[in-house]
Amino acid sequence: MRAYLVVVDETQEAKAALRFAARRAAGTGGTVEILSIIPQQDFVEWGGVQAAIEEEAKLRAEAAVLEASGAIVEEAGIRPSITVKQGDMVKAVNELLNERENIAALVLGAAAEGNPGPLVSHFTAAAGSLPCPLMIVPGHLSDEALDRLS
């Protein structure tokens, strides 16, 4: 089944991208793959402190994903697949794109103001070498506008 890959964090643009992807998947008989990325933590001298910091980051990421996926299930009737990876954002997205052959598009949200974000900046420059289309959703769009466009 075709899947739309969305990178989810706590930003408004990620929520817009997720809504767009979920509505698009529902309309095309596809599904949604949610990726949450936990940034690599700087080394802390004491291993126990490092582990606690990483666990807290993982719990925050999982909470954001669960909140977002709950909205998808309710509104679009889609049960997303959820992946949580730790490390570099670009590397994590590329790994998942290479691991999953069913990804129909990478859907990213662009910040409403200023720089569109590190993932949008990177993947627009690399769009020609991606194994799937890249869709960029403006983060300022209302739910009604997203529904109309998807």
N, C-alpha and C. Protein backbone atom coordinates (compact mmCIF):
# COMPACT_ATOMS: atom_id res chain seq x y z
N MET A 1 0.84 -1.18 0.00
CA MET A 1 0.00 0.00 0.00
C MET A 1 0.89 1.25 0.00
N ARG A 2 0.51 2.23 -0.77
CA ARG A 2 1.26 3.49 -0.86
C ARG A 2 1.22 4.23 0.47
N ALA A 3 2.33 4.79 0.86
CA ALA A 3 2.41 5.52 2.12
C ALA A 3 2.98 6.91 1.90
N TYR A 4 2.48 7.85 2.67
CA TYR A 4 3.00 9.21 2.68
C TYR A 4 3.84 9.35 3.94
N LEU A 5 5.12 9.67 3.79
CA LEU A 5 6.03 9.81 4.93
C LEU A 5 6.01 11.25 5.42
N VAL A 6 5.71 11.41 6.72
CA VAL A 6 5.65 12.73 7.34
C VAL A 6 6.57 12.73 8.55
N VAL A 7 7.43 13.74 8.64
CA VAL A 7 8.28 13.92 9.81
C VAL A 7 7.50 14.79 10.79
N VAL A 8 7.25 14.24 11.99
CA VAL A 8 6.41 14.92 12.96
C VAL A 8 7.25 15.37 14.15
N ASP A 9 7.03 16.63 14.52
CA ASP A 9 7.57 17.17 15.77
C ASP A 9 6.45 18.01 16.39
N GLU A 10 6.79 18.91 17.25
CA GLU A 10 5.76 19.69 17.96
C GLU A 10 5.41 20.99 17.25
N THR A 11 5.86 21.22 16.03
CA THR A 11 5.62 22.48 15.33
C THR A 11 4.29 22.48 14.59
N GLN A 12 3.80 23.68 14.32
CA GLN A 12 2.55 23.85 13.59
C GLN A 12 2.69 23.34 12.15
N GLU A 13 3.86 23.57 11.54
CA GLU A 13 4.04 23.12 10.16
C GLU A 13 4.03 21.60 10.05
N ALA A 14 4.52 20.90 11.06
CA ALA A 14 4.46 19.44 11.05
C ALA A 14 3.01 18.96 11.14
N LYS A 15 2.22 19.64 11.95
CA LYS A 15 0.80 19.28 12.07
C LYS A 15 0.08 19.51 10.74
N ALA A 16 0.43 20.61 10.06
CA ALA A 16 -0.19 20.89 8.76
C ALA A 16 0.19 19.81 7.74
N ALA A 17 1.46 19.42 7.72
CA ALA A 17 1.92 18.39 6.80
C ALA A 17 1.22 17.06 7.09
N LEU A 18 1.06 16.75 8.35
CA LEU A 18 0.41 15.50 8.73
C LEU A 18 -1.06 15.50 8.32
N ARG A 19 -1.75 16.59 8.54
CA ARG A 19 -3.16 16.68 8.13
C ARG A 19 -3.29 16.51 6.61
N PHE A 20 -2.44 17.21 5.88
CA PHE A 20 -2.46 17.11 4.43
C PHE A 20 -2.23 15.67 3.98
N ALA A 21 -1.19 15.04 4.54
CA ALA A 21 -0.84 13.67 4.15
C ALA A 21 -1.95 12.69 4.49
N ALA A 22 -2.56 12.85 5.66
CA ALA A 22 -3.63 11.95 6.08
C ALA A 22 -4.84 12.07 5.16
N ARG A 23 -5.20 13.29 4.82
CA ARG A 23 -6.36 13.49 3.94
C ARG A 23 -6.05 12.97 2.54
N ARG A 24 -4.83 13.18 2.10
CA ARG A 24 -4.42 12.69 0.78
C ARG A 24 -4.42 11.16 0.76
N ALA A 25 -3.90 10.54 1.81
CA ALA A 25 -3.87 9.09 1.90
C ALA A 25 -5.29 8.52 1.93
N ALA A 26 -6.16 9.15 2.68
CA ALA A 26 -7.55 8.68 2.76
C ALA A 26 -8.22 8.76 1.38
N GLY A 27 -7.90 9.81 0.64
CA GLY A 27 -8.50 9.99 -0.68
C GLY A 27 -7.94 9.08 -1.76
N THR A 28 -6.74 8.57 -1.54
CA THR A 28 -6.10 7.74 -2.56
C THR A 28 -5.97 6.27 -2.15
N GLY A 29 -6.54 5.93 -0.99
CA GLY A 29 -6.45 4.54 -0.53
C GLY A 29 -5.07 4.19 0.00
N GLY A 30 -4.34 5.18 0.47
CA GLY A 30 -3.01 4.94 0.99
C GLY A 30 -2.98 4.96 2.50
N THR A 31 -1.79 5.11 3.03
CA THR A 31 -1.60 5.17 4.47
C THR A 31 -0.55 6.23 4.79
N VAL A 32 -0.30 6.43 6.06
CA VAL A 32 0.67 7.44 6.50
C VAL A 32 1.75 6.77 7.35
N GLU A 33 2.98 7.12 7.06
CA GLU A 33 4.14 6.69 7.85
C GLU A 33 4.62 7.92 8.60
N ILE A 34 4.57 7.88 9.92
CA ILE A 34 5.02 9.00 10.74
C ILE A 34 6.42 8.70 11.25
N LEU A 35 7.31 9.66 11.06
CA LEU A 35 8.68 9.55 11.57
C LEU A 35 8.91 10.66 12.58
N SER A 36 9.32 10.27 13.77
CA SER A 36 9.72 11.22 14.79
C SER A 36 11.21 11.02 15.03
N ILE A 37 11.94 12.13 15.07
CA ILE A 37 13.39 12.05 15.19
C ILE A 37 13.82 12.68 16.51
N ILE A 38 14.54 11.93 17.29
CA ILE A 38 15.09 12.42 18.55
C ILE A 38 16.51 12.88 18.25
N PRO A 39 16.80 14.16 18.46
CA PRO A 39 18.16 14.64 18.19
C PRO A 39 19.19 13.90 19.04
N GLN A 40 20.37 13.69 18.46
CA GLN A 40 21.46 13.07 19.19
C GLN A 40 21.86 14.01 20.32
N GLN A 41 21.95 13.50 21.52
CA GLN A 41 22.31 14.32 22.67
C GLN A 41 23.82 14.49 22.74
N ASP A 42 24.23 15.68 23.20
CA ASP A 42 25.66 15.89 23.45
C ASP A 42 26.09 14.94 24.55
N PHE A 43 27.32 14.52 24.50
CA PHE A 43 27.83 13.59 25.49
C PHE A 43 27.81 14.21 26.88
N VAL A 44 27.27 13.48 27.83
CA VAL A 44 27.29 13.89 29.23
C VAL A 44 28.23 12.93 29.95
N GLU A 45 29.06 13.47 30.83
CA GLU A 45 30.11 12.67 31.46
C GLU A 45 29.57 11.46 32.22
N TRP A 46 28.42 11.58 32.83
CA TRP A 46 27.87 10.46 33.59
C TRP A 46 26.83 9.74 32.76
N GLY A 47 27.03 8.46 32.56
CA GLY A 47 26.16 7.65 31.70
C GLY A 47 24.71 7.65 32.13
N GLY A 48 24.44 7.63 33.44
CA GLY A 48 23.06 7.63 33.94
C GLY A 48 22.33 8.91 33.56
N VAL A 49 23.00 10.03 33.63
CA VAL A 49 22.40 11.32 33.25
C VAL A 49 22.12 11.31 31.75
N GLN A 50 23.07 10.81 30.97
CA GLN A 50 22.89 10.72 29.51
C GLN A 50 21.66 9.87 29.18
N ALA A 51 21.53 8.73 29.83
CA ALA A 51 20.40 7.84 29.57
C ALA A 51 19.09 8.51 29.94
N ALA A 52 19.06 9.25 31.05
CA ALA A 52 17.84 9.95 31.47
C ALA A 52 17.45 11.04 30.46
N ILE A 53 18.44 11.77 29.96
CA ILE A 53 18.18 12.82 28.96
C ILE A 53 17.61 12.19 27.69
N GLU A 54 18.21 11.11 27.23
CA GLU A 54 17.73 10.44 26.01
C GLU A 54 16.34 9.86 26.21
N GLU A 55 16.06 9.29 27.36
CA GLU A 55 14.74 8.73 27.63
C GLU A 55 13.68 9.82 27.65
N GLU A 56 13.99 10.97 28.25
CA GLU A 56 13.05 12.09 28.28
C GLU A 56 12.76 12.59 26.86
N ALA A 57 13.77 12.70 26.04
CA ALA A 57 13.59 13.13 24.65
C ALA A 57 12.72 12.13 23.89
N LYS A 58 12.96 10.85 24.13
CA LYS A 58 12.17 9.81 23.45
C LYS A 58 10.70 9.88 23.88
N LEU A 59 10.45 10.07 25.16
CA LEU A 59 9.07 10.17 25.66
C LEU A 59 8.35 11.38 25.07
N ARG A 60 9.05 12.52 24.96
CA ARG A 60 8.45 13.71 24.35
C ARG A 60 8.09 13.46 22.89
N ALA A 61 9.01 12.82 22.17
CA ALA A 61 8.77 12.52 20.76
C ALA A 61 7.59 11.56 20.60
N GLU A 62 7.54 10.52 21.42
CA GLU A 62 6.44 9.56 21.33
C GLU A 62 5.10 10.21 21.66
N ALA A 63 5.09 11.13 22.66
CA ALA A 63 3.85 11.82 23.01
C ALA A 63 3.36 12.67 21.85
N ALA A 64 4.26 13.37 21.17
CA ALA A 64 3.88 14.19 20.02
C ALA A 64 3.32 13.32 18.90
N VAL A 65 3.94 12.19 18.67
CA VAL A 65 3.49 11.28 17.61
C VAL A 65 2.13 10.69 17.95
N LEU A 66 1.94 10.28 19.21
CA LEU A 66 0.65 9.70 19.61
C LEU A 66 -0.48 10.71 19.49
N GLU A 67 -0.20 11.96 19.86
CA GLU A 67 -1.21 13.01 19.73
C GLU A 67 -1.56 13.22 18.25
N ALA A 68 -0.55 13.29 17.42
CA ALA A 68 -0.77 13.50 15.99
C ALA A 68 -1.48 12.31 15.35
N SER A 69 -1.07 11.10 15.71
CA SER A 69 -1.69 9.93 15.09
C SER A 69 -3.13 9.74 15.54
N GLY A 70 -3.43 10.16 16.77
CA GLY A 70 -4.82 10.09 17.23
C GLY A 70 -5.73 10.94 16.36
N ALA A 71 -5.26 12.10 15.97
CA ALA A 71 -6.05 12.97 15.10
C ALA A 71 -6.27 12.32 13.73
N ILE A 72 -5.28 11.62 13.23
CA ILE A 72 -5.43 10.97 11.92
C ILE A 72 -6.48 9.87 11.97
N VAL A 73 -6.41 9.05 13.00
CA VAL A 73 -7.36 7.95 13.13
C VAL A 73 -8.78 8.48 13.19
N GLU A 74 -9.00 9.53 13.97
CA GLU A 74 -10.33 10.10 14.12
C GLU A 74 -10.83 10.74 12.83
N GLU A 75 -10.03 11.58 12.21
CA GLU A 75 -10.49 12.37 11.08
C GLU A 75 -10.46 11.63 9.75
N ALA A 76 -9.41 10.88 9.50
CA ALA A 76 -9.27 10.26 8.18
C ALA A 76 -9.52 8.76 8.20
N GLY A 77 -9.64 8.19 9.39
CA GLY A 77 -9.86 6.75 9.47
C GLY A 77 -8.65 5.93 9.06
N ILE A 78 -7.46 6.47 9.27
CA ILE A 78 -6.22 5.80 8.87
C ILE A 78 -5.42 5.46 10.12
N ARG A 79 -4.91 4.26 10.18
CA ARG A 79 -4.02 3.88 11.28
C ARG A 79 -2.59 3.99 10.75
N PRO A 80 -1.86 5.03 11.20
CA PRO A 80 -0.52 5.25 10.68
C PRO A 80 0.49 4.27 11.25
N SER A 81 1.58 4.13 10.53
CA SER A 81 2.74 3.39 11.02
C SER A 81 3.66 4.43 11.65
N ILE A 82 4.20 4.12 12.81
CA ILE A 82 5.02 5.09 13.55
C ILE A 82 6.43 4.56 13.73
N THR A 83 7.40 5.40 13.40
CA THR A 83 8.81 5.07 13.58
C THR A 83 9.47 6.19 14.37
N VAL A 84 10.24 5.84 15.38
CA VAL A 84 11.02 6.81 16.13
C VAL A 84 12.49 6.46 15.95
N LYS A 85 13.27 7.44 15.48
CA LYS A 85 14.71 7.23 15.28
C LYS A 85 15.46 8.30 16.05
N GLN A 86 16.69 7.97 16.43
CA GLN A 86 17.53 8.94 17.12
C GLN A 86 18.72 9.27 16.24
N GLY A 87 19.09 10.55 16.23
CA GLY A 87 20.27 10.96 15.48
C GLY A 87 19.99 12.12 14.56
N ASP A 88 20.77 12.21 13.53
CA ASP A 88 20.69 13.28 12.54
C ASP A 88 19.37 13.19 11.75
N MET A 89 18.68 14.32 11.62
CA MET A 89 17.37 14.34 10.97
C MET A 89 17.44 13.88 9.51
N VAL A 90 18.34 14.45 8.76
CA VAL A 90 18.45 14.12 7.34
C VAL A 90 18.79 12.65 7.14
N LYS A 91 19.73 12.17 7.93
CA LYS A 91 20.13 10.77 7.83
C LYS A 91 18.96 9.85 8.18
N ALA A 92 18.19 10.19 9.21
CA ALA A 92 17.05 9.36 9.61
C ALA A 92 15.99 9.29 8.51
N VAL A 93 15.71 10.41 7.87
CA VAL A 93 14.72 10.43 6.78
C VAL A 93 15.24 9.61 5.61
N ASN A 94 16.49 9.81 5.23
CA ASN A 94 17.06 9.05 4.12
C ASN A 94 17.06 7.55 4.39
N GLU A 95 17.38 7.16 5.62
CA GLU A 95 17.36 5.74 5.97
C GLU A 95 15.97 5.14 5.78
N LEU A 96 14.95 5.85 6.25
CA LEU A 96 13.59 5.33 6.12
C LEU A 96 13.15 5.29 4.67
N LEU A 97 13.51 6.29 3.89
CA LEU A 97 13.17 6.29 2.46
C LEU A 97 13.81 5.09 1.76
N ASN A 98 15.02 4.74 2.17
CA ASN A 98 15.71 3.61 1.56
C ASN A 98 15.20 2.26 2.06
N GLU A 99 14.70 2.22 3.30
CA GLU A 99 14.19 0.98 3.88
C GLU A 99 12.81 0.60 3.36
N ARG A 100 11.99 1.57 3.04
CA ARG A 100 10.59 1.33 2.69
C ARG A 100 10.34 1.64 1.21
N GLU A 101 10.01 0.62 0.46
CA GLU A 101 9.75 0.80 -0.97
C GLU A 101 8.36 1.34 -1.26
N ASN A 102 7.47 1.30 -0.27
CA ASN A 102 6.08 1.70 -0.50
C ASN A 102 5.83 3.19 -0.29
N ILE A 103 6.86 3.97 0.00
CA ILE A 103 6.65 5.39 0.25
C ILE A 103 6.39 6.11 -1.07
N ALA A 104 5.20 6.70 -1.16
CA ALA A 104 4.77 7.38 -2.38
C ALA A 104 5.25 8.83 -2.42
N ALA A 105 5.45 9.45 -1.25
CA ALA A 105 5.89 10.84 -1.21
C ALA A 105 6.41 11.18 0.18
N LEU A 106 7.37 12.08 0.21
CA LEU A 106 7.86 12.67 1.45
C LEU A 106 7.10 13.98 1.62
N VAL A 107 6.36 14.12 2.71
CA VAL A 107 5.55 15.32 2.95
C VAL A 107 6.15 16.08 4.12
N LEU A 108 6.61 17.31 3.84
CA LEU A 108 7.22 18.15 4.87
C LEU A 108 6.45 19.45 5.00
N GLY A 109 6.43 19.99 6.20
CA GLY A 109 5.80 21.29 6.43
C GLY A 109 6.85 22.38 6.47
N ALA A 110 6.55 23.48 5.80
CA ALA A 110 7.46 24.63 5.79
C ALA A 110 7.00 25.65 6.83
N ALA A 111 7.93 26.21 7.56
CA ALA A 111 7.61 27.22 8.57
C ALA A 111 6.90 28.40 7.91
N ALA A 112 5.97 28.97 8.63
CA ALA A 112 5.17 30.07 8.09
C ALA A 112 6.00 31.33 7.84
N GLU A 113 7.04 31.52 8.61
CA GLU A 113 7.88 32.72 8.46
C GLU A 113 9.35 32.34 8.48
N GLY A 114 10.16 33.14 7.81
CA GLY A 114 11.60 32.96 7.84
C GLY A 114 12.05 31.72 7.09
N ASN A 115 13.12 31.13 7.58
CA ASN A 115 13.68 29.91 6.99
C ASN A 115 12.62 28.81 7.03
N PRO A 116 12.45 28.06 5.94
CA PRO A 116 11.41 27.03 5.92
C PRO A 116 11.67 25.85 6.84
N GLY A 117 12.89 25.72 7.32
CA GLY A 117 13.25 24.62 8.21
C GLY A 117 14.38 23.81 7.62
N PRO A 118 15.13 23.10 8.46
CA PRO A 118 16.30 22.38 7.96
C PRO A 118 15.97 21.23 7.02
N LEU A 119 14.90 20.50 7.28
CA LEU A 119 14.54 19.39 6.39
C LEU A 119 14.06 19.89 5.04
N VAL A 120 13.22 20.92 5.05
CA VAL A 120 12.73 21.47 3.78
C VAL A 120 13.90 22.02 2.98
N SER A 121 14.79 22.75 3.63
CA SER A 121 15.96 23.30 2.93
C SER A 121 16.82 22.20 2.32
N HIS A 122 17.08 21.16 3.09
CA HIS A 122 17.92 20.08 2.58
C HIS A 122 17.25 19.31 1.45
N PHE A 123 16.00 18.88 1.67
CA PHE A 123 15.38 18.01 0.68
C PHE A 123 14.92 18.72 -0.58
N THR A 124 14.69 20.03 -0.54
CA THR A 124 14.42 20.73 -1.80
C THR A 124 15.68 20.77 -2.66
N ALA A 125 16.84 20.91 -2.02
CA ALA A 125 18.10 20.90 -2.77
C ALA A 125 18.40 19.51 -3.32
N ALA A 126 17.93 18.46 -2.65
CA ALA A 126 18.22 17.08 -3.06
C ALA A 126 17.02 16.41 -3.75
N ALA A 127 15.99 17.18 -4.09
CA ALA A 127 14.75 16.59 -4.62
C ALA A 127 14.97 15.73 -5.86
N GLY A 128 15.91 16.09 -6.69
CA GLY A 128 16.15 15.34 -7.92
C GLY A 128 16.70 13.95 -7.69
N SER A 129 17.26 13.69 -6.53
CA SER A 129 17.83 12.37 -6.26
C SER A 129 16.99 11.53 -5.30
N LEU A 130 15.82 12.04 -4.90
CA LEU A 130 14.96 11.28 -3.99
C LEU A 130 14.27 10.12 -4.71
N PRO A 131 13.96 9.05 -3.98
CA PRO A 131 13.27 7.91 -4.60
C PRO A 131 11.77 8.12 -4.74
N CYS A 132 11.26 9.30 -4.33
CA CYS A 132 9.83 9.59 -4.40
C CYS A 132 9.64 11.10 -4.53
N PRO A 133 8.43 11.53 -4.87
CA PRO A 133 8.17 12.97 -4.91
C PRO A 133 8.27 13.62 -3.53
N LEU A 134 8.57 14.90 -3.54
CA LEU A 134 8.63 15.71 -2.32
C LEU A 134 7.45 16.67 -2.34
N MET A 135 6.64 16.66 -1.28
CA MET A 135 5.52 17.59 -1.15
C MET A 135 5.81 18.51 0.02
N ILE A 136 5.71 19.82 -0.20
CA ILE A 136 5.95 20.79 0.85
C ILE A 136 4.64 21.53 1.13
N VAL A 137 4.22 21.46 2.38
CA VAL A 137 2.96 22.06 2.80
C VAL A 137 3.27 23.33 3.59
N PRO A 138 2.72 24.49 3.19
CA PRO A 138 2.93 25.71 3.95
C PRO A 138 2.33 25.58 5.35
N GLY A 139 3.11 25.88 6.36
CA GLY A 139 2.68 25.69 7.74
C GLY A 139 1.60 26.64 8.21
N HIS A 140 1.34 27.69 7.49
CA HIS A 140 0.34 28.67 7.92
C HIS A 140 -1.08 28.34 7.46
N LEU A 141 -1.25 27.31 6.64
CA LEU A 141 -2.58 27.01 6.11
C LEU A 141 -3.53 26.53 7.20
N SER A 142 -4.76 26.99 7.13
CA SER A 142 -5.80 26.57 8.08
C SER A 142 -6.23 25.14 7.77
N ASP A 143 -6.92 24.52 8.72
CA ASP A 143 -7.45 23.17 8.49
C ASP A 143 -8.38 23.15 7.30
N GLU A 144 -9.17 24.18 7.14
CA GLU A 144 -10.11 24.24 6.00
C GLU A 144 -9.36 24.31 4.67
N ALA A 145 -8.30 25.12 4.64
CA ALA A 145 -7.51 25.22 3.41
C ALA A 145 -6.81 23.89 3.10
N LEU A 146 -6.29 23.24 4.13
CA LEU A 146 -5.64 21.95 3.92
C LEU A 146 -6.64 20.91 3.43
N ASP A 147 -7.84 20.91 3.98
CA ASP A 147 -8.86 19.97 3.55
C ASP A 147 -9.24 20.21 2.09
N ARG A 148 -9.34 21.47 1.71
CA ARG A 148 -9.70 21.82 0.34
C ARG A 148 -8.61 21.40 -0.65
N LEU A 149 -7.35 21.55 -0.25
CA LEU A 149 -6.23 21.25 -1.13
C LEU A 149 -5.90 19.77 -1.23
N SER A 150 -6.28 19.01 -0.23
CA SER A 150 -5.92 17.61 -0.22
C SER A 150 -7.07 16.77 -0.74
